[in-house]
């Protein structure tokens, strides 16, 4: 009887050891798989595009394969606006760069060249009695009045409390015109 209990105990120990090793192996494999499933992070959109292009070249993938593998002329990259004529690296327009330059003296909260949005933080004026904040959205690269939207928000200090004064439409328009004038001048100079 004593021998039978020892054999049972050894069998249970073997099964437990094998089960434990299998569990550890499965958990390790799951962790490796989850690490592979995590999206890659890039410091900038430019780095992401360059990395993807390098991967496409290494895999010999066409950069504009057709959606239905037909001769329709439509490509997934073309539909998404990523074909060679409008590459994502060219999204930063002259207007966006000029707008960014115009507000570069202010602290920036958000700059997104893909969507064309620039948001500044509050900037104090008049010895800290007033402050402004500017939101700019570059809609397209056409350099028309509809190509850019500028909103200049103002606040004034009243008894240690900031009071909204709303959007200053006159100053917003002046900033918009200044950006468009500079962008048009740069475009003309670059075409010479």
Protein backbone atom coordinates (compact mmCIF):
# COMPACT_ATOMS: atom_id res chain seq x y z
CA UNK A 1 0.00 0.00 0.00
CA UNK A 2 2.86 2.30 0.85
CA UNK A 3 4.42 1.73 -2.57
CA UNK A 4 1.16 2.51 -4.35
CA UNK A 5 0.78 5.86 -2.57
CA UNK A 6 4.32 6.82 -3.51
CA UNK A 7 3.67 5.92 -7.15
CA UNK A 8 0.47 7.95 -7.13
CA UNK A 9 2.29 10.85 -5.51
CA UNK A 10 5.07 10.70 -8.12
CA UNK A 11 2.52 10.55 -10.92
CA UNK A 12 0.64 13.54 -9.53
CA UNK A 13 3.93 15.45 -9.19
CA UNK A 14 4.90 14.66 -12.78
CA UNK A 15 1.51 15.77 -14.06
CA UNK A 16 1.68 18.93 -11.94
CA UNK A 17 5.18 19.73 -13.16
CA UNK A 18 4.26 19.18 -16.81
CA UNK A 19 1.05 21.23 -16.39
CA UNK A 20 3.00 24.03 -14.73
CA UNK A 21 5.58 24.08 -17.51
CA UNK A 22 2.83 24.10 -20.16
CA UNK A 23 1.11 27.02 -18.43
CA UNK A 24 4.37 28.98 -18.24
CA UNK A 25 5.06 28.22 -21.91
CA UNK A 26 1.56 29.32 -22.98
CA UNK A 27 1.72 32.53 -20.96
CA UNK A 28 5.14 33.33 -22.44
CA UNK A 29 3.86 32.73 -25.96
CA UNK A 30 0.82 34.92 -25.31
CA UNK A 31 3.07 37.74 -24.05
CA UNK A 32 5.30 37.46 -27.12
CA UNK A 33 2.23 37.54 -29.39
CA UNK A 34 0.80 40.57 -27.60
CA UNK A 35 4.12 42.38 -28.00
CA UNK A 36 4.02 41.64 -31.72
CA UNK A 37 0.44 42.90 -31.97
CA UNK A 38 1.26 46.29 -30.43
CA UNK A 39 1.40 49.07 -33.02
CA UNK A 40 4.75 50.61 -33.71
CA UNK A 41 5.25 54.13 -32.43
CA UNK A 42 7.11 56.76 -34.36
CA UNK A 43 8.49 60.14 -33.38
CA UNK A 44 6.91 61.80 -36.41
CA UNK A 45 4.67 61.15 -39.39
CA UNK A 46 7.69 61.51 -41.65
CA UNK A 47 9.50 58.70 -39.82
CA UNK A 48 6.40 56.46 -40.08
CA UNK A 49 6.07 57.02 -43.83
CA UNK A 50 9.78 56.46 -44.48
CA UNK A 51 9.73 53.25 -42.42
CA UNK A 52 6.65 51.95 -44.25
CA UNK A 53 8.20 52.76 -47.63
CA UNK A 54 11.40 50.95 -46.65
CA UNK A 55 9.37 47.92 -45.55
CA UNK A 56 7.44 47.97 -48.85
CA UNK A 57 10.73 48.04 -50.79
CA UNK A 58 12.19 45.18 -48.72
CA UNK A 59 9.09 43.08 -49.32
CA UNK A 60 8.94 44.14 -52.98
CA UNK A 61 5.35 45.28 -52.53
CA UNK A 62 3.92 47.72 -55.05
CA UNK A 63 3.30 51.11 -53.42
CA UNK A 64 -0.05 51.53 -55.14
CA UNK A 65 -1.54 48.09 -55.70
CA UNK A 66 -5.04 48.23 -57.10
CA UNK A 67 -7.97 47.50 -54.87
CA UNK A 68 -9.50 44.84 -57.09
CA UNK A 69 -6.28 43.89 -58.89
CA UNK A 70 -7.83 45.19 -62.08
CA UNK A 71 -6.78 47.87 -64.51
CA UNK A 72 -9.26 50.42 -63.18
CA UNK A 73 -6.49 52.86 -62.26
CA UNK A 74 -7.80 53.27 -58.71
CA UNK A 75 -5.36 52.45 -55.94
CA UNK A 76 -5.84 52.34 -52.19
CA UNK A 77 -3.03 54.88 -51.75
CA UNK A 78 -4.68 57.13 -54.35
CA UNK A 79 -8.08 56.97 -52.68
CA UNK A 80 -6.51 57.81 -49.31
CA UNK A 81 -4.61 60.69 -50.90
CA UNK A 82 -1.23 59.02 -50.48
CA UNK A 83 -0.28 58.48 -54.10
CA UNK A 84 3.04 59.80 -55.34
CA UNK A 85 1.66 63.21 -56.37
CA UNK A 86 0.27 64.00 -52.92
CA UNK A 87 2.59 62.15 -50.57
CA UNK A 88 1.98 62.56 -46.87
CA UNK A 89 5.35 64.27 -46.55
CA UNK A 90 4.02 67.13 -48.68
CA UNK A 91 1.01 67.81 -46.47
CA UNK A 92 2.88 70.60 -44.68
CA UNK A 93 1.93 73.43 -46.97
CA UNK A 94 3.53 76.82 -47.28
CA UNK A 95 0.46 78.31 -45.58
CA UNK A 96 0.81 75.93 -42.61
CA UNK A 97 4.51 76.71 -42.24
CA UNK A 98 3.88 80.47 -42.41
CA UNK A 99 1.08 80.20 -39.84
CA UNK A 100 3.33 78.21 -37.53
CA UNK A 101 6.08 80.78 -37.95
CA UNK A 102 3.69 83.68 -37.19
CA UNK A 103 2.64 82.21 -33.82
CA UNK A 104 6.00 80.69 -32.88
CA UNK A 105 6.56 83.38 -30.22
CA UNK A 106 3.60 81.95 -28.28
CA UNK A 107 3.62 78.68 -26.32
CA UNK A 108 2.09 75.95 -28.47
CA UNK A 109 -0.39 73.42 -27.13
CA UNK A 110 -0.91 71.39 -30.30
CA UNK A 111 0.56 71.32 -33.80
CA UNK A 112 -0.78 68.76 -36.27
CA UNK A 113 0.55 69.12 -39.80
CA UNK A 114 -1.69 66.34 -41.12
CA UNK A 115 -4.93 68.06 -40.14
CA UNK A 116 -3.43 71.56 -40.47
CA UNK A 117 -4.28 72.61 -36.93
CA UNK A 118 -2.22 74.89 -34.68
CA UNK A 119 -3.40 75.69 -31.15
CA UNK A 120 -1.48 78.08 -28.91
CA UNK A 121 -1.61 78.37 -25.17
CA UNK A 122 -2.59 81.61 -23.45
CA UNK A 123 -0.14 84.47 -24.00
CA UNK A 124 -0.14 87.41 -21.57
CA UNK A 125 -0.30 91.01 -22.72
CA UNK A 126 -0.41 94.39 -20.92
CA UNK A 127 1.61 93.33 -17.86
CA UNK A 128 -0.56 90.25 -17.37
CA UNK A 129 -3.91 92.06 -17.39
CA UNK A 130 -5.02 90.56 -20.72
CA UNK A 131 -4.18 87.38 -22.56
CA UNK A 132 -4.81 85.83 -25.96
CA UNK A 133 -5.01 82.37 -27.43
CA UNK A 134 -4.98 81.59 -31.17
CA UNK A 135 -6.43 78.59 -33.01
CA UNK A 136 -5.49 78.19 -36.67
CA UNK A 137 -6.77 75.62 -39.14
CA UNK A 138 -5.26 75.39 -42.62
CA UNK A 139 -8.01 73.80 -44.70
CA UNK A 140 -6.18 73.47 -48.03
CA UNK A 141 -3.14 74.73 -49.94
CA UNK A 142 -5.04 77.02 -52.32
CA UNK A 143 -4.21 80.22 -50.37
CA UNK A 144 -7.70 81.67 -50.73
CA UNK A 145 -9.73 83.31 -47.95
CA UNK A 146 -11.45 79.96 -47.34
CA UNK A 147 -8.11 78.11 -47.07
CA UNK A 148 -7.48 79.13 -43.48
CA UNK A 149 -9.57 79.71 -40.36
CA UNK A 150 -8.13 81.85 -37.54
CA UNK A 151 -9.75 82.41 -34.15
CA UNK A 152 -8.16 84.76 -31.60
CA UNK A 153 -9.66 84.37 -28.12
CA UNK A 154 -9.19 87.08 -25.49
CA UNK A 155 -9.52 87.17 -21.72
CA UNK A 156 -9.02 89.96 -19.21
CA UNK A 157 -8.09 89.73 -15.55
CA UNK A 158 -10.81 90.91 -13.16
CA UNK A 159 -10.14 90.50 -9.42
CA UNK A 160 -7.82 87.49 -9.81
CA UNK A 161 -10.26 85.82 -12.22
CA UNK A 162 -9.96 85.50 -16.01
CA UNK A 163 -13.06 86.73 -17.83
CA UNK A 164 -13.71 85.61 -21.41
CA UNK A 165 -14.03 88.44 -23.90
CA UNK A 166 -14.87 86.05 -26.75
CA UNK A 167 -13.32 85.89 -30.20
CA UNK A 168 -11.75 89.07 -31.50
CA UNK A 169 -12.93 88.90 -35.12
CA UNK A 170 -11.00 91.99 -36.23
CA UNK A 171 -7.64 90.70 -34.97
CA UNK A 172 -8.44 87.20 -36.26
CA UNK A 173 -8.96 88.64 -39.73
CA UNK A 174 -5.70 90.62 -39.54
CA UNK A 175 -3.74 87.51 -38.58
CA UNK A 176 -5.41 85.51 -41.37
CA UNK A 177 -4.58 88.18 -43.96
CA UNK A 178 -0.99 88.40 -42.71
CA UNK A 179 -0.54 84.62 -43.02
CA UNK A 180 -2.07 84.49 -46.51
CA UNK A 181 -0.04 87.49 -47.75
CA UNK A 182 3.22 85.96 -46.52
CA UNK A 183 2.34 82.52 -47.90
CA UNK A 184 1.48 83.96 -51.32
CA UNK A 185 4.75 85.93 -51.38
CA UNK A 186 6.74 82.82 -50.50
CA UNK A 187 4.95 80.79 -53.16
CA UNK A 188 5.70 83.42 -55.82
CA UNK A 189 9.34 83.59 -54.71
CA UNK A 190 9.68 79.80 -54.81
CA UNK A 191 8.35 79.67 -58.37
CA UNK A 192 10.94 82.13 -59.70
